[in-house]
């Protein structure tokens, strides 16, 4: 189940996404490219705190780094191997 934002951020109920994913046996993925800097700064919710499996982001938007991307997984080696 994919959750994410466009340039207009808002609060999502990440816990609800995780709840639904568990009911149907799905993984959860959050695209946080537009809000990564807000999460790093502690002013937006972190999907991992709600139990998300995977987070994707860019390094050049709100993180203000060079152009690039990241795929992050929680501390579950099985998920990392599947990606």
PDB file of N, CA and C in Angstrom:
ATOM      1  N   UNK A   1       0.859  -1.158   0.000  1.00  0.00           N
ATOM      2  CA  UNK A   1       0.000   0.000   0.000  1.00  0.00           C
ATOM      3  C   UNK A   1       0.903   1.218   0.000  1.00  0.00           C
ATOM      4  N   UNK A   2       0.697   2.100  -0.958  1.00  0.00           N
ATOM      5  CA  UNK A   2       1.552   3.269  -1.134  1.00  0.00           C
ATOM      6  C   UNK A   2       0.864   4.523  -0.608  1.00  0.00           C
ATOM      7  N   UNK A   3       1.571   5.248   0.237  1.00  0.00           N
ATOM      8  CA  UNK A   3       1.087   6.533   0.745  1.00  0.00           C
ATOM      9  C   UNK A   3       2.114   7.587   0.375  1.00  0.00           C
ATOM     10  N   UNK A   4       1.654   8.787   0.076  1.00  0.00           N
ATOM     11  CA  UNK A   4       2.617   9.824  -0.275  1.00  0.00           C
ATOM     12  C   UNK A   4       1.974  11.175  -0.461  1.00  0.00           C
ATOM     13  N   UNK A   5       2.793  12.096  -0.889  1.00  0.00           N
ATOM     14  CA  UNK A   5       2.378  13.486  -1.012  1.00  0.00           C
ATOM     15  C   UNK A   5       2.784  14.039  -2.359  1.00  0.00           C
ATOM     16  N   UNK A   6       2.143  15.127  -2.719  1.00  0.00           N
ATOM     17  CA  UNK A   6       2.660  15.960  -3.800  1.00  0.00           C
ATOM     18  C   UNK A   6       3.330  17.138  -3.103  1.00  0.00           C
ATOM     19  N   UNK A   7       3.445  18.242  -3.765  1.00  0.00           N
ATOM     20  CA  UNK A   7       4.100  19.404  -3.164  1.00  0.00           C
ATOM     21  C   UNK A   7       3.280  19.998  -2.020  1.00  0.00           C
ATOM     22  N   UNK A   8       2.031  19.593  -1.877  1.00  0.00           N
ATOM     23  CA  UNK A   8       1.169  20.135  -0.827  1.00  0.00           C
ATOM     24  C   UNK A   8       1.048  19.112   0.292  1.00  0.00           C
ATOM     25  N   UNK A   9       1.807  19.308   1.331  1.00  0.00           N
ATOM     26  CA  UNK A   9       1.832  18.319   2.416  1.00  0.00           C
ATOM     27  C   UNK A   9       0.612  18.439   3.317  1.00  0.00           C
ATOM     28  N   UNK A  10       0.276  17.336   3.937  1.00  0.00           N
ATOM     29  CA  UNK A  10      -0.778  17.277   4.945  1.00  0.00           C
ATOM     30  C   UNK A  10      -0.494  16.063   5.805  1.00  0.00           C
ATOM     31  N   UNK A  11      -1.150  15.962   6.919  1.00  0.00           N
ATOM     32  CA  UNK A  11      -0.934  14.828   7.819  1.00  0.00           C
ATOM     33  C   UNK A  11      -1.751  13.630   7.338  1.00  0.00           C
ATOM     34  N   UNK A  12      -1.088  12.507   7.193  1.00  0.00           N
ATOM     35  CA  UNK A  12      -1.771  11.255   6.878  1.00  0.00           C
ATOM     36  C   UNK A  12      -1.837  10.402   8.135  1.00  0.00           C
ATOM     37  N   UNK A  13      -2.849   9.568   8.216  1.00  0.00           N
ATOM     38  CA  UNK A  13      -2.973   8.637   9.330  1.00  0.00           C
ATOM     39  C   UNK A  13      -2.188   7.374   8.976  1.00  0.00           C
ATOM     40  N   UNK A  14      -0.867   7.427   9.195  1.00  0.00           N
ATOM     41  CA  UNK A  14      -0.005   6.301   8.835  1.00  0.00           C
ATOM     42  C   UNK A  14      -0.426   5.022   9.544  1.00  0.00           C
ATOM     43  N   UNK A  15      -0.900   5.140  10.767  1.00  0.00           N
ATOM     44  CA  UNK A  15      -1.339   3.967  11.515  1.00  0.00           C
ATOM     45  C   UNK A  15      -2.473   3.231  10.823  1.00  0.00           C
ATOM     46  N   UNK A  16      -3.374   3.968  10.198  1.00  0.00           N
ATOM     47  CA  UNK A  16      -4.496   3.355   9.484  1.00  0.00           C
ATOM     48  C   UNK A  16      -3.999   2.581   8.261  1.00  0.00           C
ATOM     49  N   UNK A  17      -3.013   3.149   7.559  1.00  0.00           N
ATOM     50  CA  UNK A  17      -2.421   2.435   6.427  1.00  0.00           C
ATOM     51  C   UNK A  17      -1.825   1.104   6.885  1.00  0.00           C
ATOM     52  N   UNK A  18      -1.103   1.130   8.000  1.00  0.00           N
ATOM     53  CA  UNK A  18      -0.473  -0.084   8.536  1.00  0.00           C
ATOM     54  C   UNK A  18      -1.540  -1.094   8.945  1.00  0.00           C
ATOM     55  N   UNK A  19      -2.589  -0.616   9.576  1.00  0.00           N
ATOM     56  CA  UNK A  19      -3.688  -1.496   9.995  1.00  0.00           C
ATOM     57  C   UNK A  19      -4.307  -2.213   8.794  1.00  0.00           C
ATOM     58  N   UNK A  20      -4.584  -1.469   7.741  1.00  0.00           N
ATOM     59  CA  UNK A  20      -5.177  -2.057   6.532  1.00  0.00           C
ATOM     60  C   UNK A  20      -4.208  -3.046   5.890  1.00  0.00           C
ATOM     61  N   UNK A  21      -2.933  -2.679   5.830  1.00  0.00           N
ATOM     62  CA  UNK A  21      -1.927  -3.565   5.231  1.00  0.00           C
ATOM     63  C   UNK A  21      -1.848  -4.893   5.976  1.00  0.00           C
ATOM     64  N   UNK A  22      -1.906  -4.846   7.292  1.00  0.00           N
ATOM     65  CA  UNK A  22      -1.860  -6.082   8.080  1.00  0.00           C
ATOM     66  C   UNK A  22      -3.082  -6.950   7.811  1.00  0.00           C
ATOM     67  N   UNK A  23      -4.238  -6.315   7.640  1.00  0.00           N
ATOM     68  CA  UNK A  23      -5.471  -7.064   7.368  1.00  0.00           C
ATOM     69  C   UNK A  23      -5.389  -7.837   6.062  1.00  0.00           C
ATOM     70  N   UNK A  24      -4.724  -7.273   5.059  1.00  0.00           N
ATOM     71  CA  UNK A  24      -4.695  -7.898   3.735  1.00  0.00           C
ATOM     72  C   UNK A  24      -3.340  -8.520   3.389  1.00  0.00           C
ATOM     73  N   UNK A  25      -2.389  -8.491   4.321  1.00  0.00           N
ATOM     74  CA  UNK A  25      -1.081  -9.091   4.077  1.00  0.00           C
ATOM     75  C   UNK A  25      -0.205  -8.319   3.110  1.00  0.00           C
ATOM     76  N   UNK A  26      -0.317  -7.006   3.129  1.00  0.00           N
ATOM     77  CA  UNK A  26       0.451  -6.153   2.210  1.00  0.00           C
ATOM     78  C   UNK A  26       1.576  -5.425   2.940  1.00  0.00           C
ATOM     79  N   UNK A  27       2.536  -4.952   2.181  1.00  0.00           N
ATOM     80  CA  UNK A  27       3.581  -4.080   2.709  1.00  0.00           C
ATOM     81  C   UNK A  27       3.122  -2.635   2.596  1.00  0.00           C
ATOM     82  N   UNK A  28       3.720  -1.775   3.403  1.00  0.00           N
ATOM     83  CA  UNK A  28       3.432  -0.347   3.324  1.00  0.00           C
ATOM     84  C   UNK A  28       4.672   0.390   2.841  1.00  0.00           C
ATOM     85  N   UNK A  29       4.449   1.318   1.910  1.00  0.00           N
ATOM     86  CA  UNK A  29       5.520   2.127   1.337  1.00  0.00           C
ATOM     87  C   UNK A  29       5.081   3.584   1.383  1.00  0.00           C
ATOM     88  N   UNK A  30       5.952   4.454   1.879  1.00  0.00           N
ATOM     89  CA  UNK A  30       5.662   5.889   1.910  1.00  0.00           C
ATOM     90  C   UNK A  30       6.638   6.620   1.005  1.00  0.00           C
ATOM     91  N   UNK A  31       6.102   7.427   0.102  1.00  0.00           N
ATOM     92  CA  UNK A  31       6.918   8.314  -0.721  1.00  0.00           C
ATOM     93  C   UNK A  31       6.941   9.650   0.001  1.00  0.00           C
ATOM     94  N   UNK A  32       8.080   9.999   0.578  1.00  0.00           N
ATOM     95  CA  UNK A  32       8.163  11.232   1.365  1.00  0.00           C
ATOM     96  C   UNK A  32       9.101  12.262   0.742  1.00  0.00           C
ATOM     97  N   UNK A  33       9.254  12.213  -0.583  1.00  0.00           N
ATOM     98  CA  UNK A  33      10.191  13.108  -1.259  1.00  0.00           C
ATOM     99  C   UNK A  33       9.918  14.578  -0.953  1.00  0.00           C
ATOM    100  N   UNK A  34       8.650  14.947  -0.870  1.00  0.00           N
ATOM    101  CA  UNK A  34       8.325  16.356  -0.656  1.00  0.00           C
ATOM    102  C   UNK A  34       8.322  16.771   0.810  1.00  0.00           C
ATOM    103  N   UNK A  35       8.377  15.805   1.734  1.00  0.00           N
ATOM    104  CA  UNK A  35       8.332  16.167   3.155  1.00  0.00           C
ATOM    105  C   UNK A  35       9.497  15.615   3.959  1.00  0.00           C
ATOM    106  N   UNK A  36      10.506  15.058   3.297  1.00  0.00           N
ATOM    107  CA  UNK A  36      11.635  14.445   4.012  1.00  0.00           C
ATOM    108  C   UNK A  36      12.321  15.429   4.949  1.00  0.00           C
ATOM    109  N   UNK A  37      12.504  16.659   4.511  1.00  0.00           N
ATOM    110  CA  UNK A  37      13.136  17.665   5.365  1.00  0.00           C
ATOM    111  C   UNK A  37      12.293  17.984   6.588  1.00  0.00           C
ATOM    112  N   UNK A  38      10.977  17.975   6.426  1.00  0.00           N
ATOM    113  CA  UNK A  38      10.080  18.228   7.556  1.00  0.00           C
ATOM    114  C   UNK A  38      10.126  17.074   8.557  1.00  0.00           C
ATOM    115  N   UNK A  39      10.236  15.852   8.053  1.00  0.00           N
ATOM    116  CA  UNK A  39      10.353  14.694   8.937  1.00  0.00           C
ATOM    117  C   UNK A  39      11.691  14.734   9.665  1.00  0.00           C
ATOM    118  N   UNK A  40      12.764  14.994   8.929  1.00  0.00           N
ATOM    119  CA  UNK A  40      14.096  15.075   9.550  1.00  0.00           C
ATOM    120  C   UNK A  40      14.154  16.176  10.598  1.00  0.00           C
ATOM    121  N   UNK A  41      13.423  17.266  10.364  1.00  0.00           N
ATOM    122  CA  UNK A  41      13.390  18.379  11.312  1.00  0.00           C
ATOM    123  C   UNK A  41      12.423  18.174  12.469  1.00  0.00           C
ATOM    124  N   UNK A  42      11.676  17.076  12.444  1.00  0.00           N
ATOM    125  CA  UNK A  42      10.773  16.763  13.546  1.00  0.00           C
ATOM    126  C   UNK A  42       9.443  17.484  13.530  1.00  0.00           C
ATOM    127  N   UNK A  43       9.074  18.090  12.405  1.00  0.00           N
ATOM    128  CA  UNK A  43       7.799  18.808  12.356  1.00  0.00           C
ATOM    129  C   UNK A  43       6.718  18.056  11.575  1.00  0.00           C
ATOM    130  N   UNK A  44       7.070  16.916  10.993  1.00  0.00           N
ATOM    131  CA  UNK A  44       6.092  16.056  10.327  1.00  0.00           C
ATOM    132  C   UNK A  44       6.281  14.637  10.861  1.00  0.00           C
ATOM    133  N   UNK A  45       5.210  13.858  10.820  1.00  0.00           N
ATOM    134  CA  UNK A  45       5.252  12.487  11.334  1.00  0.00           C
ATOM    135  C   UNK A  45       6.149  11.601  10.476  1.00  0.00           C
ATOM    136  N   UNK A  46       6.847  10.678  11.137  1.00  0.00           N
ATOM    137  CA  UNK A  46       7.710   9.720  10.464  1.00  0.00           C
ATOM    138  C   UNK A  46       6.921   8.428  10.240  1.00  0.00           C
ATOM    139  N   UNK A  47       6.740   7.987   9.001  1.00  0.00           N
ATOM    140  CA  UNK A  47       5.989   6.759   8.742  1.00  0.00           C
ATOM    141  C   UNK A  47       6.563   5.522   9.442  1.00  0.00           C
ATOM    142  N   UNK A  48       7.869   5.469   9.652  1.00  0.00           N
ATOM    143  CA  UNK A  48       8.457   4.331  10.362  1.00  0.00           C
ATOM    144  C   UNK A  48       7.929   4.234  11.789  1.00  0.00           C
ATOM    145  N   UNK A  49       7.636   5.354  12.421  1.00  0.00           N
ATOM    146  CA  UNK A  49       7.106   5.335  13.789  1.00  0.00           C
ATOM    147  C   UNK A  49       5.755   4.635  13.869  1.00  0.00           C
ATOM    148  N   UNK A  50       5.011   4.638  12.764  1.00  0.00           N
ATOM    149  CA  UNK A  50       3.710   3.973  12.719  1.00  0.00           C
ATOM    150  C   UNK A  50       3.821   2.523  12.266  1.00  0.00           C
ATOM    151  N   UNK A  51       5.023   2.101  11.867  1.00  0.00           N
ATOM    152  CA  UNK A  51       5.213   0.720  11.450  1.00  0.00           C
ATOM    153  C   UNK A  51       5.341   0.496   9.959  1.00  0.00           C
ATOM    154  N   UNK A  52       5.566   1.552   9.175  1.00  0.00           N
ATOM    155  CA  UNK A  52       5.731   1.384   7.729  1.00  0.00           C
ATOM    156  C   UNK A  52       6.932   0.500   7.430  1.00  0.00           C
ATOM    157  N   UNK A  53       6.866  -0.217   6.315  1.00  0.00           N
ATOM    158  CA  UNK A  53       7.928  -1.134   5.920  1.00  0.00           C
ATOM    159  C   UNK A  53       9.034  -0.448   5.122  1.00  0.00           C
ATOM    160  N   UNK A  54       8.652   0.430   4.204  1.00  0.00           N
ATOM    161  CA  UNK A  54       9.604   1.048   3.279  1.00  0.00           C
ATOM    162  C   UNK A  54       9.282   2.526   3.131  1.00  0.00           C
ATOM    163  N   UNK A  55      10.330   3.334   3.013  1.00  0.00           N
ATOM    164  CA  UNK A  55      10.173   4.756   2.720  1.00  0.00           C
ATOM    165  C   UNK A  55      11.090   5.093   1.554  1.00  0.00           C
ATOM    166  N   UNK A  56      10.568   5.854   0.599  1.00  0.00           N
ATOM    167  CA  UNK A  56      11.391   6.352  -0.499  1.00  0.00           C
ATOM    168  C   UNK A  56      11.431   7.869  -0.430  1.00  0.00           C
ATOM    169  N   UNK A  57      12.543   8.440  -0.885  1.00  0.00           N
ATOM    170  CA  UNK A  57      12.670   9.892  -0.892  1.00  0.00           C
ATOM    171  C   UNK A  57      13.732  10.313  -1.893  1.00  0.00           C
ATOM    172  N   UNK A  58      13.778  11.581  -2.148  1.00  0.00           N
ATOM    173  CA  UNK A  58      14.853  12.166  -2.939  1.00  0.00           C
ATOM    174  C   UNK A  58      15.790  12.881  -1.983  1.00  0.00           C
ATOM    175  N   UNK A  59      16.967  13.186  -2.466  1.00  0.00           N
ATOM    176  CA  UNK A  59      17.932  13.908  -1.631  1.00  0.00           C
ATOM    177  C   UNK A  59      18.006  15.383  -1.989  1.00  0.00           C
ATOM    178  N   UNK A  60      17.350  15.789  -3.069  1.00  0.00           N
ATOM    179  CA  UNK A  60      17.522  17.157  -3.556  1.00  0.00           C
ATOM    180  C   UNK A  60      16.326  18.076  -3.329  1.00  0.00           C
ATOM    181  N   UNK A  61      15.231  17.573  -2.878  1.00  0.00           N
ATOM    182  CA  UNK A  61      14.073  18.450  -2.668  1.00  0.00           C
ATOM    183  C   UNK A  61      14.189  19.092  -1.289  1.00  0.00           C
ATOM    184  N   UNK A  62      13.414  18.665  -0.321  1.00  0.00           N
ATOM    185  CA  UNK A  62      13.462  19.335   0.989  1.00  0.00           C
ATOM    186  C   UNK A  62      14.681  18.962   1.817  1.00  0.00           C
ATOM    187  N   UNK A  63      15.439  17.946   1.418  1.00  0.00           N
ATOM    188  CA  UNK A  63      16.697  17.650   2.116  1.00  0.00           C
ATOM    189  C   UNK A  63      17.830  18.546   1.614  1.00  0.00           C
ATOM    190  N   UNK A  64      17.621  19.179   0.464  1.00  0.00           N
ATOM    191  CA  UNK A  64      18.528  20.183  -0.102  1.00  0.00           C
ATOM    192  C   UNK A  64      19.922  19.656  -0.409  1.00  0.00           C
ATOM    193  N   UNK A  65      20.033  18.392  -0.767  1.00  0.00           N
ATOM    194  CA  UNK A  65      21.322  17.818  -1.133  1.00  0.00           C
ATOM    195  C   UNK A  65      21.457  17.698  -2.637  1.00  0.00           C
ATOM    196  N   UNK A  66      22.470  16.976  -3.091  1.00  0.00           N
ATOM    197  CA  UNK A  66      22.628  16.744  -4.525  1.00  0.00           C
ATOM    198  C   UNK A  66      21.514  15.828  -5.032  1.00  0.00           C
ATOM    199  N   UNK A  67      21.264  15.861  -6.329  1.00  0.00           N
ATOM    200  CA  UNK A  67      20.190  15.061  -6.916  1.00  0.00           C
ATOM    201  C   UNK A  67      20.471  13.575  -6.702  1.00  0.00           C
ATOM    202  N   UNK A  68      19.506  12.902  -6.129  1.00  0.00           N
ATOM    203  CA  UNK A  68      19.632  11.474  -5.875  1.00  0.00           C
ATOM    204  C   UNK A  68      18.377  10.942  -5.219  1.00  0.00           C
ATOM    205  N   UNK A  69      18.402   9.702  -4.827  1.00  0.00           N
ATOM    206  CA  UNK A  69      17.251   9.092  -4.185  1.00  0.00           C
ATOM    207  C   UNK A  69      17.680   8.071  -3.153  1.00  0.00           C
ATOM    208  N   UNK A  70      16.747   7.718  -2.280  1.00  0.00           N
ATOM    209  CA  UNK A  70      17.010   6.725  -1.243  1.00  0.00           C
ATOM    210  C   UNK A  70      15.801   5.813  -1.090  1.00  0.00           C
ATOM    211  N   UNK A  71      16.076   4.559  -0.807  1.00  0.00           N
ATOM    212  CA  UNK A  71      15.051   3.597  -0.413  1.00  0.00           C
ATOM    213  C   UNK A  71      15.453   3.112   0.966  1.00  0.00           C
ATOM    214  N   UNK A  72      14.609   3.357   1.950  1.00  0.00           N
ATOM    215  CA  UNK A  72      14.894   2.997   3.337  1.00  0.00           C
ATOM    216  C   UNK A  72      13.929   1.898   3.777  1.00  0.00           C
ATOM    217  N   UNK A  73      14.434   0.944   4.556  1.00  0.00           N
ATOM    218  CA  UNK A  73      13.575  -0.094   5.112  1.00  0.00           C
ATOM    219  C   UNK A  73      13.755  -0.124   6.619  1.00  0.00           C
ATOM    220  N   UNK A  74      12.750  -0.645   7.289  1.00  0.00           N
ATOM    221  CA  UNK A  74      12.897  -0.812   8.731  1.00  0.00           C
ATOM    222  C   UNK A  74      13.870  -1.954   8.976  1.00  0.00           C
ATOM    223  N   UNK A  75      14.176  -2.212  10.197  1.00  0.00           N
ATOM    224  CA  UNK A  75      15.203  -3.210  10.543  1.00  0.00           C
ATOM    225  C   UNK A  75      14.693  -4.632  10.329  1.00  0.00           C
ATOM    226  N   UNK A  76      14.313  -4.940   9.116  1.00  0.00           N
ATOM    227  CA  UNK A  76      13.838  -6.269   8.743  1.00  0.00           C
ATOM    228  C   UNK A  76      14.599  -6.681   7.492  1.00  0.00           C
ATOM    229  N   UNK A  77      15.567  -7.547   7.653  1.00  0.00           N
ATOM    230  CA  UNK A  77      16.433  -7.912   6.535  1.00  0.00           C
ATOM    231  C   UNK A  77      15.669  -8.585   5.406  1.00  0.00           C
ATOM    232  N   UNK A  78      14.545  -9.240   5.698  1.00  0.00           N
ATOM    233  CA  UNK A  78      13.754  -9.884   4.659  1.00  0.00           C
ATOM    234  C   UNK A  78      13.194  -8.849   3.685  1.00  0.00           C
ATOM    235  N   UNK A  79      12.699  -7.749   4.211  1.00  0.00           N
ATOM    236  CA  UNK A  79      12.156  -6.700   3.345  1.00  0.00           C
ATOM    237  C   UNK A  79      13.266  -6.097   2.492  1.00  0.00           C
ATOM    238  N   UNK A  80      14.400  -5.822   3.087  1.00  0.00           N
ATOM    239  CA  UNK A  80      15.524  -5.248   2.340  1.00  0.00           C
ATOM    240  C   UNK A  80      15.952  -6.178   1.205  1.00  0.00           C
ATOM    241  N   UNK A  81      15.971  -7.471   1.443  1.00  0.00           N
ATOM    242  CA  UNK A  81      16.347  -8.428   0.400  1.00  0.00           C
ATOM    243  C   UNK A  81      15.320  -8.462  -0.723  1.00  0.00           C
ATOM    244  N   UNK A  82      14.048  -8.345  -0.384  1.00  0.00           N
ATOM    245  CA  UNK A  82      12.993  -8.382  -1.398  1.00  0.00           C
ATOM    246  C   UNK A  82      13.053  -7.170  -2.319  1.00  0.00           C
ATOM    247  N   UNK A  83      13.494  -6.052  -1.781  1.00  0.00           N
ATOM    248  CA  UNK A  83      13.591  -4.839  -2.598  1.00  0.00           C
ATOM    249  C   UNK A  83      14.802  -4.937  -3.487  1.00  0.00           C
TER     250      UNK A  83
END
